[in-house]
Amino acid sequence: MASTSSLHLDKGLIRWLMVMVLLVIAMIVLGGATRLTNSGLSITEWEPIKGAFPPLSLEQWQAEFEKYKQIPEFAAENSDMKLQGFKSIYFWEWAHRLLGRIIGLAYALPLFFFLIKSRIPSGKRFRFVAILLLIGLQGFIGWWMVASGLTDNRVDVSQYRLAIHLGLAFIILGFLYWTLKDLRQGWGFRRDIPASPILGGVIATLVFCQIIAGALVAGTKSGKIYNEWPLMDGKLIPNDYFFLKPFWLNFGENSAAVQFNHRLLAYIIFGLAIIFWLRVRKITKIRAKALMFLILIFTQMALGIWTLLQVAPLNLSLAHQFLAVFVFLSAIGLWRGSRIGY
């Protein structure tokens, strides 16, 4: 295994990816705030260039407000909203979209520069370009998600499209973070004695699945029911888990099943985190990562339970999503560390 001291560290590349990781984290948190403030449908059109600028005059604001009044959400939930209230929700969605544009430019422009200067290893260029394509795809997915809430008498976006949108954001974050670690520590060097790499991969995969499950909880507002723990209406498994027919609809549309699945995945991940730490506690370079992940997942579980008991208020819900970012990054670091040894 090569040591980090023998690697050529391109500080420019490293700083660039560090900035990108921070920007994507900010994007995920801002997206959560946009959803939790019910602001996601306030902009009813997708204009990649013109949409970068907010309304500046009263006439422009009135025009945007009139467009919002035409969608089902306004009539169902905000019929008494005034222009000032509309400006508030508009800001969140506009800021979310603006940051998306910034991320696209902040990644694409330096990427072209580094490619021209041949500063990206030839065998790794595809990964960098793939990340750019994923960022571009995310813009389309975001609008596809928003469009689902503008018609058919819906007052919210599709929970499935929300899960895809959030999932892709975490995939992009994972690729950026893994690549950043590669730049700093080496490209795929394996340790002589792997520290449970399969279990590390399973944990990281389950954390990603848990994020998708959390998106389904958010999209179906399942955190507003069964606000008790550890039971659900006095039972370990709610009676209406398979209420919908055909049965597979329950996994994405039945709030009881959606919330139970989110709880169950948390227990499984926590148990695997304990097993992983017990396996690697004598391996110096990986045990700190294992312990950190165990602490993070325990804290996230406690925060999730508190959020549930408080009927998912905005501040706790946003904190829960914010901490999920660090649980995910810790899981990615754990997986990579178990494969490579640092």
C-alpha atoms as a PDB file:
ATOM      1  CA  MET A   1       0.000   0.000   0.000  1.00  0.00           C
ATOM      2  CA  ALA A   2       1.333   3.415  -0.943  1.00  0.00           C
ATOM      3  CA  SER A   3       1.654   6.011   1.771  1.00  0.00           C
ATOM      4  CA  THR A   4       0.172   9.460   1.408  1.00  0.00           C
ATOM      5  CA  SER A   5       3.643  10.961   1.581  1.00  0.00           C
ATOM      6  CA  SER A   6       4.548   9.244  -1.703  1.00  0.00           C
ATOM      7  CA  LEU A   7       1.551  10.701  -3.515  1.00  0.00           C
ATOM      8  CA  HIS A   8       1.605  13.834  -5.588  1.00  0.00           C
ATOM      9  CA  LEU A   9      -1.023  16.034  -3.967  1.00  0.00           C
ATOM     10  CA  ASP A  10      -2.587  18.567  -6.340  1.00  0.00           C
ATOM     11  CA  LYS A  11      -3.741  21.173  -3.840  1.00  0.00           C
ATOM     12  CA  GLY A  12      -5.767  23.002  -6.474  1.00  0.00           C
ATOM     13  CA  LEU A  13      -7.830  19.921  -7.244  1.00  0.00           C
ATOM     14  CA  ILE A  14      -8.228  19.158  -3.555  1.00  0.00           C
ATOM     15  CA  ARG A  15      -9.431  22.667  -2.690  1.00  0.00           C
ATOM     16  CA  TRP A  16     -11.845  22.627  -5.616  1.00  0.00           C
ATOM     17  CA  LEU A  17     -13.453  19.360  -4.532  1.00  0.00           C
ATOM     18  CA  MET A  18     -13.594  20.521  -0.913  1.00  0.00           C
ATOM     19  CA  VAL A  19     -15.578  23.551  -2.066  1.00  0.00           C
ATOM     20  CA  MET A  20     -17.842  21.325  -4.158  1.00  0.00           C
ATOM     21  CA  VAL A  21     -18.533  19.028  -1.205  1.00  0.00           C
ATOM     22  CA  LEU A  22     -19.479  22.029   0.932  1.00  0.00           C
ATOM     23  CA  LEU A  23     -21.697  23.457  -1.814  1.00  0.00           C
ATOM     24  CA  VAL A  24     -23.575  20.189  -2.245  1.00  0.00           C
ATOM     25  CA  ILE A  25     -24.053  19.903   1.522  1.00  0.00           C
ATOM     26  CA  ALA A  26     -25.459  23.439   1.516  1.00  0.00           C
ATOM     27  CA  MET A  27     -27.713  22.466  -1.392  1.00  0.00           C
ATOM     28  CA  ILE A  28     -29.112  19.464   0.459  1.00  0.00           C
ATOM     29  CA  VAL A  29     -29.827  21.543   3.554  1.00  0.00           C
ATOM     30  CA  LEU A  30     -31.356  24.364   1.517  1.00  0.00           C
ATOM     31  CA  GLY A  31     -33.483  21.844  -0.339  1.00  0.00           C
ATOM     32  CA  GLY A  32     -34.710  20.520   2.990  1.00  0.00           C
ATOM     33  CA  ALA A  33     -35.598  24.023   4.148  1.00  0.00           C
ATOM     34  CA  THR A  34     -37.417  24.658   0.870  1.00  0.00           C
ATOM     35  CA  ARG A  35     -39.496  21.523   1.332  1.00  0.00           C
ATOM     36  CA  LEU A  36     -40.183  22.060   5.029  1.00  0.00           C
ATOM     37  CA  THR A  37     -41.395  25.628   4.443  1.00  0.00           C
ATOM     38  CA  ASN A  38     -43.707  24.391   1.660  1.00  0.00           C
ATOM     39  CA  SER A  39     -41.904  26.634  -0.805  1.00  0.00           C
ATOM     40  CA  GLY A  40     -41.064  24.126  -3.522  1.00  0.00           C
ATOM     41  CA  LEU A  41     -44.021  24.914  -5.790  1.00  0.00           C
ATOM     42  CA  SER A  42     -43.781  28.696  -5.566  1.00  0.00           C
ATOM     43  CA  ILE A  43     -41.990  28.963  -8.930  1.00  0.00           C
ATOM     44  CA  THR A  44     -44.176  27.292 -11.531  1.00  0.00           C
ATOM     45  CA  GLU A  45     -41.840  27.521 -14.532  1.00  0.00           C
ATOM     46  CA  TRP A  46     -38.353  26.335 -15.350  1.00  0.00           C
ATOM     47  CA  GLU A  47     -36.276  29.029 -17.019  1.00  0.00           C
ATOM     48  CA  PRO A  48     -32.567  28.109 -16.777  1.00  0.00           C
ATOM     49  CA  ILE A  49     -31.291  31.566 -17.787  1.00  0.00           C
ATOM     50  CA  LYS A  50     -34.025  34.081 -17.026  1.00  0.00           C
ATOM     51  CA  GLY A  51     -34.937  32.295 -13.806  1.00  0.00           C
ATOM     52  CA  ALA A  52     -31.571  33.150 -12.277  1.00  0.00           C
ATOM     53  CA  PHE A  53     -32.931  36.622 -11.529  1.00  0.00           C
ATOM     54  CA  PRO A  54     -35.772  37.184  -9.056  1.00  0.00           C
ATOM     55  CA  PRO A  55     -38.665  39.569  -9.760  1.00  0.00           C
ATOM     56  CA  LEU A  56     -37.491  43.142  -9.301  1.00  0.00           C
ATOM     57  CA  SER A  57     -40.613  45.251  -9.760  1.00  0.00           C
ATOM     58  CA  LEU A  58     -44.048  45.087  -8.181  1.00  0.00           C
ATOM     59  CA  GLU A  59     -45.503  44.144 -11.560  1.00  0.00           C
ATOM     60  CA  GLN A  60     -43.104  41.222 -11.884  1.00  0.00           C
ATOM     61  CA  TRP A  61     -43.931  40.028  -8.382  1.00  0.00           C
ATOM     62  CA  GLN A  62     -47.649  40.230  -9.100  1.00  0.00           C
ATOM     63  CA  ALA A  63     -47.188  38.247 -12.304  1.00  0.00           C
ATOM     64  CA  GLU A  64     -45.343  35.471 -10.464  1.00  0.00           C
ATOM     65  CA  PHE A  65     -47.957  35.459  -7.726  1.00  0.00           C
ATOM     66  CA  GLU A  66     -50.733  35.091 -10.294  1.00  0.00           C
ATOM     67  CA  LYS A  67     -48.988  32.053 -11.756  1.00  0.00           C
ATOM     68  CA  TYR A  68     -48.804  30.503  -8.294  1.00  0.00           C
ATOM     69  CA  LYS A  69     -52.517  31.130  -7.787  1.00  0.00           C
ATOM     70  CA  GLN A  70     -53.271  28.855 -10.736  1.00  0.00           C
ATOM     71  CA  ILE A  71     -51.896  25.677  -9.142  1.00  0.00           C
ATOM     72  CA  PRO A  72     -53.885  23.404  -6.788  1.00  0.00           C
ATOM     73  CA  GLU A  73     -51.636  24.081  -3.780  1.00  0.00           C
ATOM     74  CA  PHE A  74     -52.699  27.722  -3.599  1.00  0.00           C
ATOM     75  CA  ALA A  75     -56.418  26.968  -3.493  1.00  0.00           C
ATOM     76  CA  ALA A  76     -56.039  24.069  -1.075  1.00  0.00           C
ATOM     77  CA  GLU A  77     -53.501  25.451   1.397  1.00  0.00           C
ATOM     78  CA  ASN A  78     -52.676  29.120   0.785  1.00  0.00           C
ATOM     79  CA  SER A  79     -55.844  30.778  -0.484  1.00  0.00           C
ATOM     80  CA  ASP A  80     -55.473  33.567   2.082  1.00  0.00           C
ATOM     81  CA  MET A  81     -51.822  34.232   1.216  1.00  0.00           C
ATOM     82  CA  LYS A  82     -50.814  37.821   0.469  1.00  0.00           C
ATOM     83  CA  LEU A  83     -47.998  39.015  -1.762  1.00  0.00           C
ATOM     84  CA  GLN A  84     -45.575  39.375   1.154  1.00  0.00           C
ATOM     85  CA  GLY A  85     -46.131  35.781   2.179  1.00  0.00           C
ATOM     86  CA  PHE A  86     -45.604  34.663  -1.401  1.00  0.00           C
ATOM     87  CA  LYS A  87     -42.294  36.521  -1.522  1.00  0.00           C
ATOM     88  CA  SER A  88     -41.144  34.528   1.496  1.00  0.00           C
ATOM     89  CA  ILE A  89     -41.767  31.108  -0.035  1.00  0.00           C
ATOM     90  CA  TYR A  90     -40.546  32.289  -3.433  1.00  0.00           C
ATOM     91  CA  PHE A  91     -37.187  33.213  -1.901  1.00  0.00           C
ATOM     92  CA  TRP A  92     -36.514  29.672  -0.678  1.00  0.00           C
ATOM     93  CA  GLU A  93     -37.213  28.045  -4.042  1.00  0.00           C
ATOM     94  CA  TRP A  94     -35.341  30.739  -5.967  1.00  0.00           C
ATOM     95  CA  ALA A  95     -32.310  30.416  -3.665  1.00  0.00           C
ATOM     96  CA  HIS A  96     -32.404  26.625  -4.060  1.00  0.00           C
ATOM     97  CA  ARG A  97     -32.413  26.889  -7.849  1.00  0.00           C
ATOM     98  CA  LEU A  98     -29.761  29.611  -7.836  1.00  0.00           C
ATOM     99  CA  LEU A  99     -27.429  27.469  -5.751  1.00  0.00           C
ATOM    100  CA  GLY A 100     -27.993  24.660  -8.228  1.00  0.00           C
ATOM    101  CA  ARG A 101     -26.800  26.923 -11.035  1.00  0.00           C
ATOM    102  CA  ILE A 102     -23.797  27.987  -8.961  1.00  0.00           C
ATOM    103  CA  ILE A 103     -22.882  24.360  -8.299  1.00  0.00           C
ATOM    104  CA  GLY A 104     -23.076  23.571 -12.006  1.00  0.00           C
ATOM    105  CA  LEU A 105     -20.760  26.432 -12.937  1.00  0.00           C
ATOM    106  CA  ALA A 106     -18.451  25.890  -9.953  1.00  0.00           C
ATOM    107  CA  TYR A 107     -17.914  22.322 -11.088  1.00  0.00           C
ATOM    108  CA  ALA A 108     -17.935  22.651 -14.882  1.00  0.00           C
ATOM    109  CA  LEU A 109     -15.597  25.616 -15.347  1.00  0.00           C
ATOM    110  CA  PRO A 110     -12.726  24.356 -13.133  1.00  0.00           C
ATOM    111  CA  LEU A 111     -13.201  20.859 -14.570  1.00  0.00           C
ATOM    112  CA  PHE A 112     -12.574  22.099 -18.103  1.00  0.00           C
ATOM    113  CA  PHE A 113      -9.518  24.013 -16.880  1.00  0.00           C
ATOM    114  CA  PHE A 114      -8.067  20.986 -15.079  1.00  0.00           C
ATOM    115  CA  LEU A 115      -8.748  18.766 -18.096  1.00  0.00           C
ATOM    116  CA  ILE A 116      -7.033  21.183 -20.469  1.00  0.00           C
ATOM    117  CA  LYS A 117      -4.054  21.419 -18.126  1.00  0.00           C
ATOM    118  CA  SER A 118      -3.944  17.595 -17.809  1.00  0.00           C
ATOM    119  CA  ARG A 119      -4.061  17.825 -14.032  1.00  0.00           C
ATOM    120  CA  ILE A 120      -6.620  15.037 -13.687  1.00  0.00           C
ATOM    121  CA  PRO A 121      -5.089  11.538 -13.952  1.00  0.00           C
ATOM    122  CA  SER A 122      -5.966  10.073 -17.344  1.00  0.00           C
ATOM    123  CA  GLY A 123      -7.526   6.958 -15.871  1.00  0.00           C
ATOM    124  CA  LYS A 124      -9.808   9.007 -13.606  1.00  0.00           C
ATOM    125  CA  ARG A 125     -11.166  11.561 -16.079  1.00  0.00           C
ATOM    126  CA  PHE A 126     -14.316   9.569 -16.715  1.00  0.00           C
ATOM    127  CA  ARG A 127     -15.284   9.812 -13.041  1.00  0.00           C
ATOM    128  CA  PHE A 128     -14.937  13.596 -13.062  1.00  0.00           C
ATOM    129  CA  VAL A 129     -16.975  13.898 -16.265  1.00  0.00           C
ATOM    130  CA  ALA A 130     -19.587  11.486 -14.896  1.00  0.00           C
ATOM    131  CA  ILE A 131     -20.052  13.733 -11.864  1.00  0.00           C
ATOM    132  CA  LEU A 132     -20.655  16.678 -14.209  1.00  0.00           C
ATOM    133  CA  LEU A 133     -23.302  14.680 -16.074  1.00  0.00           C
ATOM    134  CA  LEU A 134     -24.974  13.750 -12.785  1.00  0.00           C
ATOM    135  CA  ILE A 135     -25.063  17.410 -11.740  1.00  0.00           C
ATOM    136  CA  GLY A 136     -26.699  18.298 -15.054  1.00  0.00           C
ATOM    137  CA  LEU A 137     -29.173  15.449 -14.690  1.00  0.00           C
ATOM    138  CA  GLN A 138     -30.040  16.668 -11.204  1.00  0.00           C
ATOM    139  CA  GLY A 139     -31.330  19.932 -12.650  1.00  0.00           C
ATOM    140  CA  PHE A 140     -33.744  18.052 -14.909  1.00  0.00           C
ATOM    141  CA  ILE A 141     -34.785  15.732 -12.073  1.00  0.00           C
ATOM    142  CA  GLY A 142     -35.484  18.751  -9.871  1.00  0.00           C
ATOM    143  CA  TRP A 143     -37.868  20.267 -12.391  1.00  0.00           C
ATOM    144  CA  TRP A 144     -39.441  16.862 -13.068  1.00  0.00           C
ATOM    145  CA  MET A 145     -40.117  16.633  -9.340  1.00  0.00           C
ATOM    146  CA  VAL A 146     -41.615  20.132  -9.132  1.00  0.00           C
ATOM    147  CA  ALA A 147     -43.784  19.507 -12.200  1.00  0.00           C
ATOM    148  CA  SER A 148     -45.431  16.586 -10.414  1.00  0.00           C
ATOM    149  CA  GLY A 149     -46.963  18.998  -7.907  1.00  0.00           C
ATOM    150  CA  LEU A 150     -48.359  21.504 -10.398  1.00  0.00           C
ATOM    151  CA  THR A 151     -51.193  19.454 -11.904  1.00  0.00           C
ATOM    152  CA  ASP A 152     -53.757  16.728 -11.227  1.00  0.00           C
ATOM    153  CA  ASN A 153     -55.073  18.428  -8.093  1.00  0.00           C
ATOM    154  CA  ARG A 154     -51.880  17.644  -6.172  1.00  0.00           C
ATOM    155  CA  VAL A 155     -50.743  19.947  -3.388  1.00  0.00           C
ATOM    156  CA  ASP A 156     -47.322  18.329  -2.994  1.00  0.00           C
ATOM    157  CA  VAL A 157     -44.699  16.845  -5.262  1.00  0.00           C
ATOM    158  CA  SER A 158     -44.570  13.105  -5.854  1.00  0.00           C
ATOM    159  CA  GLN A 159     -42.820  11.387  -2.969  1.00  0.00           C
ATOM    160  CA  TYR A 160     -41.150   9.059  -5.463  1.00  0.00           C
ATOM    161  CA  ARG A 161     -39.680  11.936  -7.454  1.00  0.00           C
ATOM    162  CA  LEU A 162     -38.639  13.615  -4.206  1.00  0.00           C
ATOM    163  CA  ALA A 163     -36.794  10.437  -3.213  1.00  0.00           C
ATOM    164  CA  ILE A 164     -35.058  10.260  -6.600  1.00  0.00           C
ATOM    165  CA  HIS A 165     -34.068  13.940  -6.379  1.00  0.00           C
ATOM    166  CA  LEU A 166     -32.669  13.606  -2.864  1.00  0.00           C
ATOM    167  CA  GLY A 167     -31.049  10.272  -3.643  1.00  0.00           C
ATOM    168  CA  LEU A 168     -29.226  11.711  -6.647  1.00  0.00           C
ATOM    169  CA  ALA A 169     -27.993  14.622  -4.518  1.00  0.00           C
ATOM    170  CA  PHE A 170     -26.427  12.146  -2.093  1.00  0.00           C
ATOM    171  CA  ILE A 171     -24.961  10.094  -4.950  1.00  0.00           C
ATOM    172  CA  ILE A 172     -23.266  13.239  -6.253  1.00  0.00           C
ATOM    173  CA  LEU A 173     -22.053  14.058  -2.745  1.00  0.00           C
ATOM    174  CA  GLY A 174     -20.738  10.523  -2.303  1.00  0.00           C
ATOM    175  CA  PHE A 175     -18.785  10.600  -5.561  1.00  0.00           C
ATOM    176  CA  LEU A 176     -17.313  14.000  -4.728  1.00  0.00           C
ATOM    177  CA  TYR A 177     -16.314  12.957  -1.211  1.00  0.00           C
ATOM    178  CA  TRP A 178     -14.810   9.623  -2.298  1.00  0.00           C
ATOM    179  CA  THR A 179     -12.868  11.361  -5.077  1.00  0.00           C
ATOM    180  CA  LEU A 180     -11.641  13.996  -2.640  1.00  0.00           C
ATOM    181  CA  LYS A 181     -10.370  11.250  -0.335  1.00  0.00           C
ATOM    182  CA  ASP A 182      -8.681   9.573  -3.312  1.00  0.00           C
ATOM    183  CA  LEU A 183      -6.916  12.800  -4.231  1.00  0.00           C
ATOM    184  CA  ARG A 184      -5.638  13.214  -0.693  1.00  0.00           C
ATOM    185  CA  GLN A 185      -4.830   9.602   0.149  1.00  0.00           C
ATOM    186  CA  GLY A 186      -4.356   7.645  -3.066  1.00  0.00           C
ATOM    187  CA  TRP A 187      -6.383   5.999  -5.796  1.00  0.00           C
ATOM    188  CA  GLY A 188      -7.723   2.651  -4.665  1.00  0.00           C
ATOM    189  CA  PHE A 189      -4.734   1.196  -2.811  1.00  0.00           C
ATOM    190  CA  ARG A 190      -5.825  -1.860  -0.838  1.00  0.00           C
ATOM    191  CA  ARG A 191      -4.618  -2.757   2.625  1.00  0.00           C
ATOM    192  CA  ASP A 192      -2.977  -6.156   3.189  1.00  0.00           C
ATOM    193  CA  ILE A 193      -5.699  -7.190   5.649  1.00  0.00           C
ATOM    194  CA  PRO A 194      -9.057  -5.648   4.676  1.00  0.00           C
ATOM    195  CA  ALA A 195     -11.118  -4.479   7.638  1.00  0.00           C
ATOM    196  CA  SER A 196     -14.541  -5.964   6.837  1.00  0.00           C
ATOM    197  CA  PRO A 197     -14.936  -4.235   3.436  1.00  0.00           C
ATOM    198  CA  ILE A 198     -18.127  -6.140   2.594  1.00  0.00           C
ATOM    199  CA  LEU A 199     -19.793  -5.088   5.842  1.00  0.00           C
ATOM    200  CA  GLY A 200     -18.590  -1.538   5.250  1.00  0.00           C
ATOM    201  CA  GLY A 201     -20.243  -1.578   1.834  1.00  0.00           C
ATOM    202  CA  VAL A 202     -23.447  -3.025   3.244  1.00  0.00           C
ATOM    203  CA  ILE A 203     -23.604  -0.288   5.891  1.00  0.00           C
ATOM    204  CA  ALA A 204     -23.023   2.485   3.345  1.00  0.00           C
ATOM    205  CA  THR A 205     -25.679   1.015   1.055  1.00  0.00           C
ATOM    206  CA  LEU A 206     -28.196   0.753   3.886  1.00  0.00           C
ATOM    207  CA  VAL A 207     -27.507   4.347   4.935  1.00  0.00           C
ATOM    208  CA  PHE A 208     -28.314   5.425   1.382  1.00  0.00           C
ATOM    209  CA  CYS A 209     -31.498   3.326   1.467  1.00  0.00           C
ATOM    210  CA  GLN A 210     -32.372   4.975   4.779  1.00  0.00           C
ATOM    211  CA  ILE A 211     -32.039   8.393   3.157  1.00  0.00           C
ATOM    212  CA  ILE A 212     -34.471   7.283   0.450  1.00  0.00           C
ATOM    213  CA  ALA A 213     -36.798   5.968   3.161  1.00  0.00           C
ATOM    214  CA  GLY A 214     -36.542   9.330   4.916  1.00  0.00           C
ATOM    215  CA  ALA A 215     -37.504  11.096   1.696  1.00  0.00           C
ATOM    216  CA  LEU A 216     -40.605   8.901   1.471  1.00  0.00           C
ATOM    217  CA  VAL A 217     -41.447   9.788   5.080  1.00  0.00           C
ATOM    218  CA  ALA A 218     -41.105  13.471   4.212  1.00  0.00           C
ATOM    219  CA  GLY A 219     -43.007  13.190   0.948  1.00  0.00           C
ATOM    220  CA  THR A 220     -45.961  11.409   2.552  1.00  0.00           C
ATOM    221  CA  LYS A 221     -45.805  13.499   5.746  1.00  0.00           C
ATOM    222  CA  SER A 222     -45.565  10.247   7.671  1.00  0.00           C
ATOM    223  CA  GLY A 223     -43.701  11.938  10.503  1.00  0.00           C
ATOM    224  CA  LYS A 224     -46.964  13.581  11.558  1.00  0.00           C
ATOM    225  CA  ILE A 225     -48.570  10.313  12.666  1.00  0.00           C
ATOM    226  CA  TYR A 226     -47.683   7.590  15.168  1.00  0.00           C
ATOM    227  CA  ASN A 227     -45.869  10.177  17.261  1.00  0.00           C
ATOM    228  CA  GLU A 228     -44.819   7.687  19.895  1.00  0.00           C
ATOM    229  CA  TRP A 229     -41.850   5.412  20.442  1.00  0.00           C
ATOM    230  CA  PRO A 230     -40.884   2.568  20.494  1.00  0.00           C
ATOM    231  CA  LEU A 231     -44.370   1.279  19.617  1.00  0.00           C
ATOM    232  CA  MET A 232     -46.766   2.372  16.887  1.00  0.00           C
ATOM    233  CA  ASP A 233     -50.311   2.569  18.219  1.00  0.00           C
ATOM    234  CA  GLY A 234     -49.272   0.186  20.974  1.00  0.00           C
ATOM    235  CA  LYS A 235     -47.746  -2.381  18.638  1.00  0.00           C
ATOM    236  CA  LEU A 236     -44.298  -3.141  17.258  1.00  0.00           C
ATOM    237  CA  ILE A 237     -45.709  -3.462  13.738  1.00  0.00           C
ATOM    238  CA  PRO A 238     -48.753  -1.291  12.944  1.00  0.00           C
ATOM    239  CA  ASN A 239     -51.955  -3.141  12.060  1.00  0.00           C
ATOM    240  CA  ASP A 240     -52.366  -1.214   8.805  1.00  0.00           C
ATOM    241  CA  TYR A 241     -48.896  -1.994   7.447  1.00  0.00           C
ATOM    242  CA  PHE A 242     -50.432  -3.777   4.435  1.00  0.00           C
ATOM    243  CA  PHE A 243     -53.555  -1.623   4.246  1.00  0.00           C
ATOM    244  CA  LEU A 244     -53.234  -0.794   0.526  1.00  0.00           C
ATOM    245  CA  LYS A 245     -53.742  -3.173  -2.379  1.00  0.00           C
ATOM    246  CA  PRO A 246     -51.735  -4.277  -4.273  1.00  0.00           C
ATOM    247  CA  PHE A 247     -49.342  -4.785  -1.368  1.00  0.00           C
ATOM    248  CA  TRP A 248     -46.344  -3.056  -2.960  1.00  0.00           C
ATOM    249  CA  LEU A 249     -48.128   0.315  -2.815  1.00  0.00           C
ATOM    250  CA  ASN A 250     -47.679   0.267   0.960  1.00  0.00           C
ATOM    251  CA  PHE A 251     -43.923   0.768   0.691  1.00  0.00           C
ATOM    252  CA  GLY A 252     -44.312   4.226  -0.837  1.00  0.00           C
ATOM    253  CA  GLU A 253     -47.853   5.404  -0.123  1.00  0.00           C
ATOM    254  CA  ASN A 254     -48.985   3.926   3.188  1.00  0.00           C
ATOM    255  CA  SER A 255     -47.764   6.247   5.936  1.00  0.00           C
ATOM    256  CA  ALA A 256     -47.777   3.484   8.549  1.00  0.00           C
ATOM    257  CA  ALA A 257     -45.555   1.238   6.434  1.00  0.00           C
ATOM    258  CA  VAL A 258     -43.336   4.109   5.309  1.00  0.00           C
ATOM    259  CA  GLN A 259     -42.646   5.220   8.875  1.00  0.00           C
ATOM    260  CA  PHE A 260     -42.143   1.660  10.148  1.00  0.00           C
ATOM    261  CA  ASN A 261     -39.615   0.938   7.383  1.00  0.00           C
ATOM    262  CA  HIS A 262     -37.685   4.080   8.315  1.00  0.00           C
ATOM    263  CA  ARG A 263     -37.587   2.977  11.959  1.00  0.00           C
ATOM    264  CA  LEU A 264     -36.581  -0.582  11.072  1.00  0.00           C
ATOM    265  CA  LEU A 265     -33.703   0.486   8.838  1.00  0.00           C
ATOM    266  CA  ALA A 266     -32.375   2.686  11.644  1.00  0.00           C
ATOM    267  CA  TYR A 267     -32.297  -0.272  14.037  1.00  0.00           C
ATOM    268  CA  ILE A 268     -30.570  -2.484  11.472  1.00  0.00           C
ATOM    269  CA  ILE A 269     -27.910   0.118  10.669  1.00  0.00           C
ATOM    270  CA  PHE A 270     -27.253   0.760  14.349  1.00  0.00           C
ATOM    271  CA  GLY A 271     -26.837  -2.960  14.997  1.00  0.00           C
ATOM    272  CA  LEU A 272     -24.453  -3.358  12.059  1.00  0.00           C
ATOM    273  CA  ALA A 273     -22.482  -0.324  13.240  1.00  0.00           C
ATOM    274  CA  ILE A 274     -21.920  -2.041  16.595  1.00  0.00           C
ATOM    275  CA  ILE A 275     -20.844  -5.268  14.873  1.00  0.00           C
ATOM    276  CA  PHE A 276     -18.467  -3.376  12.592  1.00  0.00           C
ATOM    277  CA  TRP A 277     -16.850  -1.537  15.486  1.00  0.00           C
ATOM    278  CA  LEU A 278     -16.384  -4.783  17.401  1.00  0.00           C
ATOM    279  CA  ARG A 279     -14.679  -6.310  14.367  1.00  0.00           C
ATOM    280  CA  VAL A 280     -12.237  -3.467  13.732  1.00  0.00           C
ATOM    281  CA  ARG A 281     -11.658  -2.076  17.225  1.00  0.00           C
ATOM    282  CA  LYS A 282      -8.094  -3.453  17.231  1.00  0.00           C
ATOM    283  CA  ILE A 283      -7.212  -2.023  13.791  1.00  0.00           C
ATOM    284  CA  THR A 284      -5.756   1.381  14.555  1.00  0.00           C
ATOM    285  CA  LYS A 285      -6.426   3.166  11.266  1.00  0.00           C
ATOM    286  CA  ILE A 286     -10.089   2.240  10.927  1.00  0.00           C
ATOM    287  CA  ARG A 287     -11.414   1.981  14.484  1.00  0.00           C
ATOM    288  CA  ALA A 288     -11.707   5.758  14.901  1.00  0.00           C
ATOM    289  CA  LYS A 289     -13.904   5.918  11.783  1.00  0.00           C
ATOM    290  CA  ALA A 290     -15.999   3.033  13.078  1.00  0.00           C
ATOM    291  CA  LEU A 291     -16.471   4.682  16.468  1.00  0.00           C
ATOM    292  CA  MET A 292     -17.342   8.022  14.885  1.00  0.00           C
ATOM    293  CA  PHE A 293     -19.958   6.384  12.683  1.00  0.00           C
ATOM    294  CA  LEU A 294     -21.425   4.555  15.674  1.00  0.00           C
ATOM    295  CA  ILE A 295     -21.705   7.820  17.605  1.00  0.00           C
ATOM    296  CA  LEU A 296     -23.249   9.616  14.630  1.00  0.00           C
ATOM    297  CA  ILE A 297     -25.837   6.932  13.922  1.00  0.00           C
ATOM    298  CA  PHE A 298     -26.816   6.788  17.602  1.00  0.00           C
ATOM    299  CA  THR A 299     -27.174  10.579  17.695  1.00  0.00           C
ATOM    300  CA  GLN A 300     -29.205  10.535  14.484  1.00  0.00           C
ATOM    301  CA  MET A 301     -31.518   7.881  15.910  1.00  0.00           C
ATOM    302  CA  ALA A 302     -32.030   9.901  19.078  1.00  0.00           C
ATOM    303  CA  LEU A 303     -32.709  13.050  17.055  1.00  0.00           C
ATOM    304  CA  GLY A 304     -35.128  11.159  14.823  1.00  0.00           C
ATOM    305  CA  ILE A 305     -37.056   9.848  17.830  1.00  0.00           C
ATOM    306  CA  TRP A 306     -37.182  13.322  19.360  1.00  0.00           C
ATOM    307  CA  THR A 307     -38.380  14.769  16.052  1.00  0.00           C
ATOM    308  CA  LEU A 308     -41.113  12.135  15.861  1.00  0.00           C
ATOM    309  CA  LEU A 309     -42.274  12.711  19.438  1.00  0.00           C
ATOM    310  CA  GLN A 310     -42.477  16.456  18.764  1.00  0.00           C
ATOM    311  CA  VAL A 311     -44.570  15.853  15.601  1.00  0.00           C
ATOM    312  CA  ALA A 312     -41.782  16.827  13.213  1.00  0.00           C
ATOM    313  CA  PRO A 313     -41.371  20.589  13.768  1.00  0.00           C
ATOM    314  CA  LEU A 314     -39.382  22.480  11.148  1.00  0.00           C
ATOM    315  CA  ASN A 315     -36.231  23.024  13.215  1.00  0.00           C
ATOM    316  CA  LEU A 316     -35.880  19.401  14.325  1.00  0.00           C
ATOM    317  CA  SER A 317     -36.767  18.040  10.891  1.00  0.00           C
ATOM    318  CA  LEU A 318     -34.128  20.226   9.263  1.00  0.00           C
ATOM    319  CA  ALA A 319     -31.548  19.227  11.882  1.00  0.00           C
ATOM    320  CA  HIS A 320     -32.390  15.565  11.217  1.00  0.00           C
ATOM    321  CA  GLN A 321     -31.745  16.012   7.490  1.00  0.00           C
ATOM    322  CA  PHE A 322     -28.559  18.001   8.159  1.00  0.00           C
ATOM    323  CA  LEU A 323     -27.155  15.296  10.420  1.00  0.00           C
ATOM    324  CA  ALA A 324     -28.054  12.686   7.793  1.00  0.00           C
ATOM    325  CA  VAL A 325     -25.433  14.300   5.550  1.00  0.00           C
ATOM    326  CA  PHE A 326     -22.695  13.600   8.074  1.00  0.00           C
ATOM    327  CA  VAL A 327     -23.958  10.086   8.770  1.00  0.00           C
ATOM    328  CA  PHE A 328     -23.756   9.446   5.028  1.00  0.00           C
ATOM    329  CA  LEU A 329     -20.270  10.933   4.671  1.00  0.00           C
ATOM    330  CA  SER A 330     -19.118   8.936   7.679  1.00  0.00           C
ATOM    331  CA  ALA A 331     -20.541   5.765   6.114  1.00  0.00           C
ATOM    332  CA  ILE A 332     -18.746   6.504   2.831  1.00  0.00           C
ATOM    333  CA  GLY A 333     -15.505   7.123   4.721  1.00  0.00           C
ATOM    334  CA  LEU A 334     -16.032   3.905   6.664  1.00  0.00           C
ATOM    335  CA  TRP A 335     -16.585   1.897   3.491  1.00  0.00           C
ATOM    336  CA  ARG A 336     -13.583   3.373   1.744  1.00  0.00           C
ATOM    337  CA  GLY A 337     -11.440   2.974   4.833  1.00  0.00           C
ATOM    338  CA  SER A 338     -12.430  -0.671   5.212  1.00  0.00           C
ATOM    339  CA  ARG A 339     -11.351  -1.317   1.615  1.00  0.00           C
ATOM    340  CA  ILE A 340      -8.180   0.750   1.576  1.00  0.00           C
ATOM    341  CA  GLY A 341      -7.071   0.905   5.180  1.00  0.00           C
ATOM    342  CA  TYR A 342      -7.162   4.629   5.957  1.00  0.00           C
END
